[in-house]
C-alpha atoms as a PDB file:
ATOM      1  CA  MET A   1     -71.720  75.501  26.082  1.00  0.00           C
ATOM      2  CA  ALA A   2     -71.043  73.071  28.801  1.00  0.00           C
ATOM      3  CA  ARG A   3     -71.833  69.492  27.834  1.00  0.00           C
ATOM      4  CA  GLY A   4     -73.252  66.947  30.133  1.00  0.00           C
ATOM      5  CA  PRO A   5     -71.732  63.536  31.372  1.00  0.00           C
ATOM      6  CA  HIS A   6     -70.676  61.281  28.686  1.00  0.00           C
ATOM      7  CA  LYS A   7     -73.043  58.263  28.291  1.00  0.00           C
ATOM      8  CA  LEU A   8     -71.371  54.819  28.715  1.00  0.00           C
ATOM      9  CA  THR A   9     -72.508  51.794  26.910  1.00  0.00           C
ATOM     10  CA  VAL A  10     -73.997  49.201  29.464  1.00  0.00           C
ATOM     11  CA  GLN A  11     -72.691  45.499  29.282  1.00  0.00           C
ATOM     12  CA  TYR A  12     -74.148  42.764  31.475  1.00  0.00           C
ATOM     13  CA  THR A  13     -71.806  39.770  32.508  1.00  0.00           C
ATOM     14  CA  ALA A  14     -73.172  36.292  32.457  1.00  0.00           C
ATOM     15  CA  ASN A  15     -73.565  36.434  36.359  1.00  0.00           C
ATOM     16  CA  SER A  16     -75.685  39.630  36.225  1.00  0.00           C
ATOM     17  CA  ARG A  17     -77.808  38.149  33.614  1.00  0.00           C
ATOM     18  CA  ARG A  18     -78.216  35.113  35.741  1.00  0.00           C
ATOM     19  CA  ASP A  19     -78.967  37.226  38.680  1.00  0.00           C
ATOM     20  CA  LEU A  20     -81.799  39.163  36.919  1.00  0.00           C
ATOM     21  CA  GLN A  21     -83.383  35.782  35.776  1.00  0.00           C
ATOM     22  CA  GLU A  22     -83.337  34.595  39.344  1.00  0.00           C
ATOM     23  CA  ILE A  23     -84.880  38.077  40.318  1.00  0.00           C
ATOM     24  CA  TRP A  24     -87.470  37.526  37.617  1.00  0.00           C
ATOM     25  CA  ASP A  25     -88.330  34.065  38.688  1.00  0.00           C
ATOM     26  CA  TRP A  26     -88.778  34.719  42.362  1.00  0.00           C
ATOM     27  CA  ASN A  27     -90.923  37.864  41.559  1.00  0.00           C
ATOM     28  CA  ALA A  28     -93.103  35.763  39.059  1.00  0.00           C
ATOM     29  CA  LYS A  29     -93.514  33.054  41.672  1.00  0.00           C
ATOM     30  CA  VAL A  30     -94.351  35.382  44.470  1.00  0.00           C
ATOM     31  CA  ARG A  31     -96.145  38.400  42.793  1.00  0.00           C
ATOM     32  CA  GLY A  32     -96.980  37.323  39.095  1.00  0.00           C
ATOM     33  CA  ASP A  33     -95.332  37.729  35.748  1.00  0.00           C
ATOM     34  CA  ARG A  34     -96.493  41.284  35.149  1.00  0.00           C
ATOM     35  CA  HIS A  35     -94.924  42.330  38.490  1.00  0.00           C
ATOM     36  CA  ALA A  36     -91.760  40.421  37.536  1.00  0.00           C
ATOM     37  CA  VAL A  37     -91.537  42.034  34.049  1.00  0.00           C
ATOM     38  CA  GLY A  38     -92.058  45.381  35.589  1.00  0.00           C
ATOM     39  CA  TYR A  39     -89.563  45.065  38.284  1.00  0.00           C
ATOM     40  CA  ILE A  40     -86.631  43.908  35.822  1.00  0.00           C
ATOM     41  CA  GLU A  41     -87.403  46.656  33.522  1.00  0.00           C
ATOM     42  CA  PHE A  42     -87.001  49.051  36.724  1.00  0.00           C
ATOM     43  CA  LEU A  43     -83.704  47.622  37.511  1.00  0.00           C
ATOM     44  CA  ARG A  44     -82.341  47.819  34.000  1.00  0.00           C
ATOM     45  CA  ALA A  45     -83.612  51.402  33.549  1.00  0.00           C
ATOM     46  CA  GLU A  46     -81.838  52.346  37.011  1.00  0.00           C
ATOM     47  CA  THR A  47     -78.711  50.571  35.819  1.00  0.00           C
ATOM     48  CA  ARG A  48     -78.800  52.556  32.488  1.00  0.00           C
ATOM     49  CA  LYS A  49     -79.133  55.930  34.404  1.00  0.00           C
ATOM     50  CA  LEU A  50     -75.674  55.212  35.988  1.00  0.00           C
ATOM     51  CA  ALA A  51     -74.240  55.103  32.603  1.00  0.00           C
ATOM     52  CA  SER A  52     -74.871  58.822  32.142  1.00  0.00           C
ATOM     53  CA  SER A  53     -73.922  59.866  35.545  1.00  0.00           C
ATOM     54  CA  ALA A  54     -70.850  61.915  36.169  1.00  0.00           C
ATOM     55  CA  ASN A  55     -69.638  59.923  39.207  1.00  0.00           C
ATOM     56  CA  PRO A  56     -71.824  56.674  39.262  1.00  0.00           C
ATOM     57  CA  GLY A  57     -72.107  54.557  42.409  1.00  0.00           C
ATOM     58  CA  ARG A  58     -69.812  54.296  45.261  1.00  0.00           C
ATOM     59  CA  LEU A  59     -66.184  52.493  45.507  1.00  0.00           C
ATOM     60  CA  ILE A  60     -66.261  49.109  47.347  1.00  0.00           C
ATOM     61  CA  GLU A  61     -63.625  49.467  50.028  1.00  0.00           C
ATOM     62  CA  SER A  62     -62.505  45.917  49.836  1.00  0.00           C
ATOM     63  CA  ASN A  63     -62.086  46.133  45.983  1.00  0.00           C
ATOM     64  CA  PRO A  64     -61.822  49.845  44.668  1.00  0.00           C
ATOM     65  CA  THR A  65     -61.842  48.773  40.962  1.00  0.00           C
ATOM     66  CA  LEU A  66     -65.523  47.940  41.454  1.00  0.00           C
ATOM     67  CA  ARG A  67     -68.445  50.335  42.392  1.00  0.00           C
ATOM     68  CA  TYR A  68     -71.977  49.712  43.717  1.00  0.00           C
ATOM     69  CA  PHE A  69     -75.358  51.483  43.629  1.00  0.00           C
ATOM     70  CA  THR A  70     -78.621  50.766  45.830  1.00  0.00           C
ATOM     71  CA  ILE A  71     -81.616  50.516  43.631  1.00  0.00           C
ATOM     72  CA  LYS A  72     -84.926  50.833  45.584  1.00  0.00           C
ATOM     73  CA  ARG A  73     -88.514  51.821  44.392  1.00  0.00           C
ATOM     74  CA  ARG A  74     -89.097  53.550  47.834  1.00  0.00           C
ATOM     75  CA  ALA A  75     -86.826  55.097  50.256  1.00  0.00           C
ATOM     76  CA  ARG A  76     -87.849  52.376  52.856  1.00  0.00           C
ATOM     77  CA  GLY A  77     -87.845  48.682  52.423  1.00  0.00           C
ATOM     78  CA  TYR A  78     -85.760  46.327  50.224  1.00  0.00           C
ATOM     79  CA  GLY A  79     -84.198  46.654  46.984  1.00  0.00           C
ATOM     80  CA  HIS A  80     -81.349  45.447  45.091  1.00  0.00           C
ATOM     81  CA  ILE A  81     -77.628  46.276  44.737  1.00  0.00           C
ATOM     82  CA  VAL A  82     -75.904  46.528  41.539  1.00  0.00           C
ATOM     83  CA  VAL A  83     -72.178  45.899  41.468  1.00  0.00           C
ATOM     84  CA  PHE A  84     -70.187  47.276  38.354  1.00  0.00           C
ATOM     85  CA  TRP A  85     -66.899  48.666  36.973  1.00  0.00           C
ATOM     86  CA  ILE A  86     -66.229  51.175  34.564  1.00  0.00           C
ATOM     87  CA  ASP A  87     -63.529  50.440  31.750  1.00  0.00           C
ATOM     88  CA  ASP A  88     -62.976  52.913  28.951  1.00  0.00           C
ATOM     89  CA  GLU A  89     -66.589  53.698  27.476  1.00  0.00           C
ATOM     90  CA  ILE A  90     -68.237  50.685  29.131  1.00  0.00           C
ATOM     91  CA  LEU A  91     -70.195  50.165  32.358  1.00  0.00           C
ATOM     92  CA  HIS A  92     -69.856  46.355  33.066  1.00  0.00           C
ATOM     93  CA  VAL A  93     -72.526  45.096  35.215  1.00  0.00           C
ATOM     94  CA  LEU A  94     -70.916  42.309  37.405  1.00  0.00           C
ATOM     95  CA  ARG A  95     -73.856  41.429  39.845  1.00  0.00           C
ATOM     96  CA  TYR A  96     -77.183  42.134  41.446  1.00  0.00           C
ATOM     97  CA  PHE A  97     -77.778  41.178  45.080  1.00  0.00           C
ATOM     98  CA  HIS A  98     -80.761  41.872  47.373  1.00  0.00           C
ATOM     99  CA  THR A  99     -80.262  44.526  50.041  1.00  0.00           C
ATOM    100  CA  SER A 100     -80.928  41.915  52.762  1.00  0.00           C
ATOM    101  CA  GLN A 101     -78.001  39.859  51.423  1.00  0.00           C
ATOM    102  CA  ASP A 102     -74.321  40.016  52.817  1.00  0.00           C
ATOM    103  CA  TRP A 103     -73.302  41.095  49.315  1.00  0.00           C
ATOM    104  CA  GLU A 104     -69.884  42.145  50.135  1.00  0.00           C
ATOM    105  CA  ARG A 105     -68.965  38.818  51.448  1.00  0.00           C
ATOM    106  CA  LYS A 106     -70.918  36.854  48.529  1.00  0.00           C
ATOM    107  CA  LEU A 107     -68.776  39.142  46.284  1.00  0.00           C
ATOM    108  CA  GLY A 108     -65.604  38.186  47.868  1.00  0.00           C
ATOM    109  CA  GLY A 109     -62.688  37.848  45.574  1.00  0.00           C
ATOM    110  CA  GLU A 110     -64.859  37.121  42.631  1.00  0.00           C
ATOM    111  CA  PRO A 111     -63.053  38.257  39.473  1.00  0.00           C
ATOM    112  CA  LYS A 112     -64.601  41.214  37.426  1.00  0.00           C
ATOM    113  CA  LEU A 113     -65.035  39.078  34.258  1.00  0.00           C
ATOM    114  CA  SER A 114     -67.446  36.528  35.551  1.00  0.00           C
END
């Protein structure tokens, strides 16, 4: 019997945790605490789904050790980009960027372990 893809452990870097806090802060200020909590739960759930994907995300051409995935609630509109790398059994979440940001430039030469 064929097995499904292996599930990786998700680990968040300090920068990704800071990004999630900033996303929560902005959403709480603009749309309220309830919306902020729900949106962060949505981002984390979508990130966890990557950990059980056979081939998660797309390679970043400027740094092929990193991958990215666009997370949106709706096909149209804004969302967030999650940047990560996979090492052995771990999906390391490096950063979250709003889709309106020039995230590849902001990512620049950022070391993976930030």
